[in-house]
Amino acid sequence: MGLSRWKFTGEFKEAGVRRLELGASVSEVARATEVNPRELYRWRRELHTKAISMAGLFHAGEISGSIRSSQSQLRNGWTASGGQMGREQRSEIS
């Protein structure tokens, strides 16, 4: 009979990594949770990678939203002036 693999929930992994970030040593958390220290290192790496990728998506969304807003302002300024932008409208955009 083969060894069964343990399945840990995301909450359990996050709690273990949170304890590490609060200053507990890897060996303390490993003993308390009965998890191999290598697993804790892997969970920490995975959670940090996930956080970085989520931050990148959030930042990219802010940039694309800002671009869309600028494009909309340009379009509205263009149509409101009958197809031409006056000096004062140009200076607001720059």
Foldseek 3Di string as FASTA:
>chain_A
DDDDDDDDDPVVLVVLLVVVVVPDDLVVSCVVVVHDSVVNVVSNVVVVVVVVVVVVVVVVVVVVVVVVVLVVLVVVQCVVVPRDHDPVSVVVSD
